[in-house]
Every structure is written in C-alpha cells, then in structure tokens.
C-alpha cells in the first residue's frame, strides 16, 4: 500500500518525536516549511512553551532571494533569538522532512549562529 506524501511525513514525524523531546535547558528546534515560507521554533516540551520563533514571513532579507537562502536567514535569526534567551544547545526536529535543501540550510546557519546540536 502506497502512502500519500502527507501520510508518509506524518509517519516519519511520529518516529522522530518518539525519541526526541525539548526541555528548558535544551529545547527542541522544530522546523516547518510551507511552499513559500519556512518557520522555526524553540519549544520546551516539558512546560509546553515556545521559547523563541523565527520565520521568513515579512523579513526584509528574505525578499527576492531563493528559498534556500531564506532558510539560511531564518537559521541565523533563530540562533540570535536563542542566544538572547539564554539557550546554547538544542535538539533538532526536522519534522518529517528530509535533511536536505531548505532544512539543511536552516540547520547549518543556526550552527554558524552559535547553536549546538
């Protein structure tokens, strides 16, 4: 039986989330990508709180560049906000997406921005 694209991603997402969880010291860096935008959140799963978030929506540097470059800008933004909030280490949650393209670009730029994962 073939899975649809969404069902396949949901299955992978469940498999990933079974093993990783964020805390106040090491929050979960969750990535969501839509067709046009990319979003990142630092989530404390123990308290159910979003510590920081960043997205390509409405950001001046994200206009008239490729989606991979937008993801790099968002990675730097989330790293700056995380360090401002006192977070240095995170657990990366690719949210069922392949670690490739926009997701990889966001992760690499977040590492360059000072996050450890």
N, C-alpha and C. Protein backbone atom coordinates (compact mmCIF):
# COMPACT_ATOMS: atom_id res chain seq x y z
N UNK A 1 0.84 -1.17 0.00
CA UNK A 1 0.00 0.00 0.00
C UNK A 1 0.89 1.25 0.00
N UNK A 2 0.67 2.14 -0.92
CA UNK A 2 1.46 3.36 -1.02
C UNK A 2 0.86 4.45 -0.14
N UNK A 3 1.71 5.14 0.58
CA UNK A 3 1.28 6.24 1.42
C UNK A 3 1.24 7.52 0.60
N UNK A 4 0.34 8.41 0.95
CA UNK A 4 0.37 9.72 0.34
C UNK A 4 1.57 10.47 0.94
N UNK A 5 1.90 11.59 0.35
CA UNK A 5 3.05 12.36 0.82
C UNK A 5 2.85 12.82 2.27
N UNK A 6 1.64 13.27 2.60
CA UNK A 6 1.36 13.73 3.96
C UNK A 6 1.37 12.59 4.96
N UNK A 7 0.82 11.44 4.58
CA UNK A 7 0.79 10.29 5.48
C UNK A 7 2.20 9.78 5.74
N UNK A 8 3.04 9.79 4.71
CA UNK A 8 4.42 9.36 4.84
C UNK A 8 5.17 10.28 5.80
N UNK A 9 4.97 11.60 5.64
CA UNK A 9 5.63 12.56 6.51
C UNK A 9 5.15 12.44 7.95
N UNK A 10 3.86 12.19 8.14
CA UNK A 10 3.31 12.03 9.49
C UNK A 10 3.91 10.79 10.17
N UNK A 11 4.10 9.74 9.41
CA UNK A 11 4.69 8.51 9.95
C UNK A 11 6.14 8.76 10.39
N UNK A 12 6.90 9.46 9.54
CA UNK A 12 8.29 9.78 9.88
C UNK A 12 8.33 10.71 11.08
N UNK A 13 7.41 11.68 11.12
CA UNK A 13 7.36 12.64 12.22
C UNK A 13 7.10 11.93 13.56
N UNK A 14 6.17 10.98 13.57
CA UNK A 14 5.90 10.20 14.79
C UNK A 14 7.14 9.44 15.23
N UNK A 15 7.84 8.87 14.28
CA UNK A 15 9.05 8.09 14.59
C UNK A 15 10.13 8.99 15.20
N UNK A 16 10.26 10.20 14.69
CA UNK A 16 11.27 11.13 15.22
C UNK A 16 10.87 11.62 16.60
N UNK A 17 9.61 12.04 16.75
CA UNK A 17 9.15 12.63 18.01
C UNK A 17 9.08 11.62 19.15
N UNK A 18 9.06 10.34 18.81
CA UNK A 18 9.08 9.30 19.84
C UNK A 18 10.40 9.35 20.61
N UNK A 19 11.47 9.78 19.93
CA UNK A 19 12.80 9.74 20.53
C UNK A 19 13.32 11.08 21.04
N UNK A 20 12.81 12.19 20.55
CA UNK A 20 13.34 13.48 20.98
C UNK A 20 12.28 14.29 21.69
N UNK A 21 12.75 15.08 22.65
CA UNK A 21 11.87 15.97 23.39
C UNK A 21 12.70 17.15 23.88
N UNK A 22 12.09 18.31 23.97
CA UNK A 22 12.79 19.50 24.41
C UNK A 22 12.53 19.82 25.86
N UNK A 23 13.52 20.41 26.52
CA UNK A 23 13.36 20.86 27.90
C UNK A 23 13.75 22.33 27.95
N UNK A 24 13.74 22.92 29.14
CA UNK A 24 14.08 24.33 29.26
C UNK A 24 15.57 24.56 28.95
N UNK A 25 16.42 23.60 29.34
CA UNK A 25 17.86 23.74 29.08
C UNK A 25 18.19 23.44 27.62
N UNK A 26 17.60 22.39 27.06
CA UNK A 26 17.84 22.02 25.66
C UNK A 26 16.49 21.91 24.94
N UNK A 27 15.98 23.03 24.43
CA UNK A 27 14.69 22.99 23.74
C UNK A 27 14.79 22.30 22.39
N UNK A 28 13.64 21.99 21.85
CA UNK A 28 13.55 21.34 20.54
C UNK A 28 13.45 22.43 19.48
N UNK A 29 14.33 22.37 18.48
CA UNK A 29 14.28 23.30 17.36
C UNK A 29 13.46 22.65 16.26
N UNK A 30 12.20 23.07 16.15
CA UNK A 30 11.26 22.48 15.21
C UNK A 30 11.19 23.33 13.95
N UNK A 31 11.26 22.66 12.79
CA UNK A 31 11.24 23.33 11.50
C UNK A 31 9.95 22.99 10.77
N UNK A 32 9.30 24.00 10.21
CA UNK A 32 8.14 23.78 9.36
C UNK A 32 8.38 24.53 8.07
N UNK A 33 8.17 23.88 6.95
CA UNK A 33 8.31 24.58 5.68
C UNK A 33 7.04 24.44 4.88
N UNK A 34 6.56 25.57 4.42
CA UNK A 34 5.42 25.58 3.51
C UNK A 34 5.98 25.78 2.11
N UNK A 35 5.11 25.91 1.13
CA UNK A 35 5.60 26.10 -0.23
C UNK A 35 6.34 27.43 -0.40
N UNK A 36 5.93 28.44 0.35
CA UNK A 36 6.53 29.76 0.16
C UNK A 36 7.42 30.20 1.32
N UNK A 37 7.14 29.77 2.54
CA UNK A 37 7.85 30.26 3.72
C UNK A 37 8.51 29.11 4.46
N UNK A 38 9.37 29.47 5.43
CA UNK A 38 9.95 28.49 6.34
C UNK A 38 9.89 29.08 7.75
N UNK A 39 9.59 28.24 8.72
CA UNK A 39 9.40 28.67 10.10
C UNK A 39 10.25 27.81 11.02
N UNK A 40 10.74 28.39 12.12
CA UNK A 40 11.50 27.65 13.12
C UNK A 40 11.04 28.08 14.51
N UNK A 41 10.93 27.11 15.42
CA UNK A 41 10.52 27.40 16.79
C UNK A 41 11.42 26.67 17.76
N UNK A 42 11.71 27.30 18.89
CA UNK A 42 12.36 26.62 20.00
C UNK A 42 11.28 26.29 21.01
N UNK A 43 11.09 25.00 21.28
CA UNK A 43 9.96 24.55 22.09
C UNK A 43 10.45 23.81 23.33
N UNK A 44 9.92 24.20 24.48
CA UNK A 44 10.13 23.48 25.74
C UNK A 44 8.94 22.55 25.90
N UNK A 45 9.13 21.25 25.63
CA UNK A 45 8.03 20.30 25.67
C UNK A 45 7.58 19.97 27.09
N UNK A 46 8.47 20.13 28.07
CA UNK A 46 8.12 19.81 29.45
C UNK A 46 7.03 20.78 29.94
N UNK A 47 7.22 22.07 29.68
CA UNK A 47 6.25 23.08 30.11
C UNK A 47 5.26 23.44 29.02
N UNK A 48 5.47 22.95 27.80
CA UNK A 48 4.57 23.26 26.69
C UNK A 48 4.64 24.72 26.27
N UNK A 49 5.85 25.27 26.19
CA UNK A 49 6.04 26.69 25.91
C UNK A 49 6.96 26.86 24.71
N UNK A 50 6.64 27.83 23.86
CA UNK A 50 7.54 28.22 22.78
C UNK A 50 8.46 29.31 23.32
N UNK A 51 9.77 29.06 23.29
CA UNK A 51 10.75 29.99 23.84
C UNK A 51 11.04 31.11 22.84
N UNK A 52 11.25 30.74 21.58
CA UNK A 52 11.53 31.73 20.54
C UNK A 52 11.06 31.18 19.20
N UNK A 53 10.80 32.09 18.27
CA UNK A 53 10.40 31.65 16.94
C UNK A 53 10.93 32.63 15.90
N UNK A 54 11.09 32.14 14.69
CA UNK A 54 11.52 32.98 13.58
C UNK A 54 10.92 32.42 12.30
N UNK A 55 10.67 33.30 11.34
CA UNK A 55 10.15 32.84 10.06
C UNK A 55 10.61 33.78 8.96
N UNK A 56 10.46 33.33 7.74
CA UNK A 56 10.85 34.13 6.58
C UNK A 56 9.75 35.11 6.20
N UNK A 57 8.62 35.02 6.85
CA UNK A 57 7.48 35.86 6.51
C UNK A 57 7.70 37.29 7.01
N UNK A 58 7.70 38.25 6.09
CA UNK A 58 7.82 39.64 6.46
C UNK A 58 9.22 40.10 6.79
N UNK A 59 10.24 39.28 6.54
CA UNK A 59 11.62 39.66 6.82
C UNK A 59 12.21 40.27 5.56
N UNK A 60 12.83 41.45 5.70
CA UNK A 60 13.34 42.20 4.55
C UNK A 60 14.40 41.42 3.78
N UNK A 61 15.31 40.71 4.49
CA UNK A 61 16.39 39.98 3.82
C UNK A 61 15.87 38.79 3.02
N UNK A 62 14.64 38.35 3.27
CA UNK A 62 14.08 37.17 2.61
C UNK A 62 13.36 37.51 1.31
N UNK A 63 13.32 38.78 0.96
CA UNK A 63 12.65 39.15 -0.28
C UNK A 63 13.61 39.03 -1.46
N UNK A 64 13.12 38.50 -2.57
CA UNK A 64 13.88 38.38 -3.82
C UNK A 64 15.14 37.53 -3.70
N UNK A 65 15.10 36.50 -2.86
CA UNK A 65 16.19 35.52 -2.79
C UNK A 65 15.58 34.12 -2.89
N UNK A 66 16.43 33.13 -3.11
CA UNK A 66 15.92 31.76 -3.24
C UNK A 66 15.43 31.26 -1.88
N UNK A 67 14.66 30.17 -1.90
CA UNK A 67 14.11 29.62 -0.66
C UNK A 67 15.21 29.06 0.24
N UNK A 68 16.29 28.53 -0.36
CA UNK A 68 17.41 28.01 0.44
C UNK A 68 18.10 29.17 1.17
N UNK A 69 18.24 30.30 0.50
CA UNK A 69 18.84 31.48 1.14
C UNK A 69 17.91 32.04 2.22
N UNK A 70 16.59 31.96 1.99
CA UNK A 70 15.63 32.38 3.02
C UNK A 70 15.81 31.52 4.27
N UNK A 71 15.98 30.21 4.08
CA UNK A 71 16.15 29.30 5.21
C UNK A 71 17.42 29.64 5.99
N UNK A 72 18.48 30.04 5.29
CA UNK A 72 19.72 30.42 5.96
C UNK A 72 19.51 31.66 6.82
N UNK A 73 18.75 32.62 6.32
CA UNK A 73 18.45 33.84 7.09
C UNK A 73 17.65 33.49 8.34
N UNK A 74 16.66 32.61 8.20
CA UNK A 74 15.84 32.20 9.34
C UNK A 74 16.68 31.45 10.38
N UNK A 75 17.62 30.63 9.92
CA UNK A 75 18.52 29.92 10.83
C UNK A 75 19.35 30.88 11.67
N UNK A 76 19.86 31.92 11.04
CA UNK A 76 20.63 32.93 11.78
C UNK A 76 19.73 33.68 12.78
N UNK A 77 18.50 34.00 12.34
CA UNK A 77 17.56 34.70 13.23
C UNK A 77 17.23 33.88 14.48
N UNK A 78 16.95 32.59 14.27
CA UNK A 78 16.57 31.74 15.41
C UNK A 78 17.76 31.55 16.35
N UNK A 79 18.97 31.50 15.79
CA UNK A 79 20.16 31.38 16.63
C UNK A 79 20.36 32.63 17.48
N UNK A 80 20.17 33.81 16.89
CA UNK A 80 20.28 35.06 17.64
C UNK A 80 19.25 35.12 18.77
N UNK A 81 18.00 34.76 18.45
CA UNK A 81 16.94 34.80 19.46
C UNK A 81 17.19 33.78 20.56
N UNK A 82 17.74 32.62 20.20
CA UNK A 82 18.01 31.58 21.20
C UNK A 82 19.10 32.03 22.16
N UNK A 83 20.15 32.60 21.63
CA UNK A 83 21.25 33.05 22.49
C UNK A 83 20.79 34.20 23.38
N UNK A 84 19.93 35.07 22.85
CA UNK A 84 19.36 36.15 23.65
C UNK A 84 18.50 35.60 24.78
N UNK A 85 17.85 34.45 24.54
CA UNK A 85 17.01 33.81 25.56
C UNK A 85 17.82 32.92 26.50
N UNK A 86 19.13 32.82 26.28
CA UNK A 86 19.99 32.04 27.17
C UNK A 86 20.08 30.57 26.81
N UNK A 87 19.82 30.23 25.55
CA UNK A 87 19.87 28.84 25.11
C UNK A 87 21.05 28.66 24.16
N UNK A 88 21.89 27.64 24.42
CA UNK A 88 23.02 27.38 23.52
C UNK A 88 22.90 26.03 22.84
N UNK A 89 22.34 25.03 23.52
CA UNK A 89 22.21 23.71 22.92
C UNK A 89 20.73 23.40 22.67
N UNK A 90 20.45 22.79 21.53
CA UNK A 90 19.09 22.43 21.17
C UNK A 90 19.06 21.01 20.63
N UNK A 91 17.86 20.47 20.50
CA UNK A 91 17.63 19.19 19.85
C UNK A 91 16.92 19.49 18.54
N UNK A 92 17.47 19.04 17.41
CA UNK A 92 16.93 19.39 16.11
C UNK A 92 15.79 18.46 15.73
N UNK A 93 14.65 19.04 15.37
CA UNK A 93 13.48 18.29 14.94
C UNK A 93 13.18 18.67 13.50
N UNK A 94 13.51 17.79 12.55
CA UNK A 94 13.30 18.10 11.14
C UNK A 94 11.85 17.91 10.73
N UNK A 95 11.02 17.41 11.65
CA UNK A 95 9.57 17.40 11.48
C UNK A 95 9.10 16.53 10.32
N UNK A 96 9.82 15.46 10.04
CA UNK A 96 9.40 14.56 8.96
C UNK A 96 9.95 14.92 7.60
N UNK A 97 10.61 16.07 7.48
CA UNK A 97 11.20 16.46 6.21
C UNK A 97 12.57 15.82 6.06
N UNK A 98 13.01 15.63 4.83
CA UNK A 98 14.36 15.13 4.59
C UNK A 98 15.37 16.19 5.00
N UNK A 99 16.49 15.77 5.56
CA UNK A 99 17.56 16.69 5.96
C UNK A 99 18.34 17.05 4.70
N UNK A 100 17.81 18.04 3.97
CA UNK A 100 18.28 18.29 2.64
C UNK A 100 17.68 19.61 2.19
N UNK A 101 18.36 20.40 1.41
CA UNK A 101 17.80 21.62 0.87
C UNK A 101 17.57 22.68 1.93
N UNK A 102 16.33 23.14 2.04
CA UNK A 102 15.99 24.23 2.96
C UNK A 102 16.20 23.86 4.42
N UNK A 103 15.87 22.62 4.78
CA UNK A 103 16.02 22.18 6.18
C UNK A 103 17.50 22.16 6.56
N UNK A 104 18.33 21.65 5.67
CA UNK A 104 19.78 21.58 5.92
C UNK A 104 20.38 22.99 5.98
N UNK A 105 19.93 23.87 5.10
CA UNK A 105 20.42 25.25 5.08
C UNK A 105 20.10 25.96 6.40
N UNK A 106 18.88 25.77 6.91
CA UNK A 106 18.48 26.37 8.18
C UNK A 106 19.34 25.82 9.31
N UNK A 107 19.55 24.52 9.34
CA UNK A 107 20.34 23.90 10.40
C UNK A 107 21.79 24.38 10.37
N UNK A 108 22.38 24.44 9.19
CA UNK A 108 23.78 24.87 9.07
C UNK A 108 23.96 26.32 9.52
N UNK A 109 23.05 27.20 9.12
CA UNK A 109 23.18 28.60 9.52
C UNK A 109 22.89 28.79 11.01
N UNK A 110 22.04 27.96 11.59
CA UNK A 110 21.81 28.03 13.04
C UNK A 110 23.07 27.60 13.78
N UNK A 111 23.76 26.60 13.26
CA UNK A 111 25.04 26.20 13.87
C UNK A 111 26.07 27.31 13.76
N UNK A 112 26.13 27.97 12.60
CA UNK A 112 27.06 29.09 12.42
C UNK A 112 26.71 30.23 13.36
N UNK A 113 25.43 30.40 13.66
CA UNK A 113 24.98 31.45 14.56
C UNK A 113 25.29 31.17 16.03
N UNK A 114 25.77 29.98 16.35
CA UNK A 114 26.17 29.68 17.72
C UNK A 114 25.39 28.59 18.42
N UNK A 115 24.39 28.00 17.79
CA UNK A 115 23.64 26.91 18.42
C UNK A 115 24.41 25.60 18.29
N UNK A 116 24.32 24.77 19.31
CA UNK A 116 24.97 23.46 19.26
C UNK A 116 23.90 22.37 19.23
N UNK A 117 24.00 21.48 18.22
CA UNK A 117 23.14 20.32 18.12
C UNK A 117 23.74 19.31 17.19
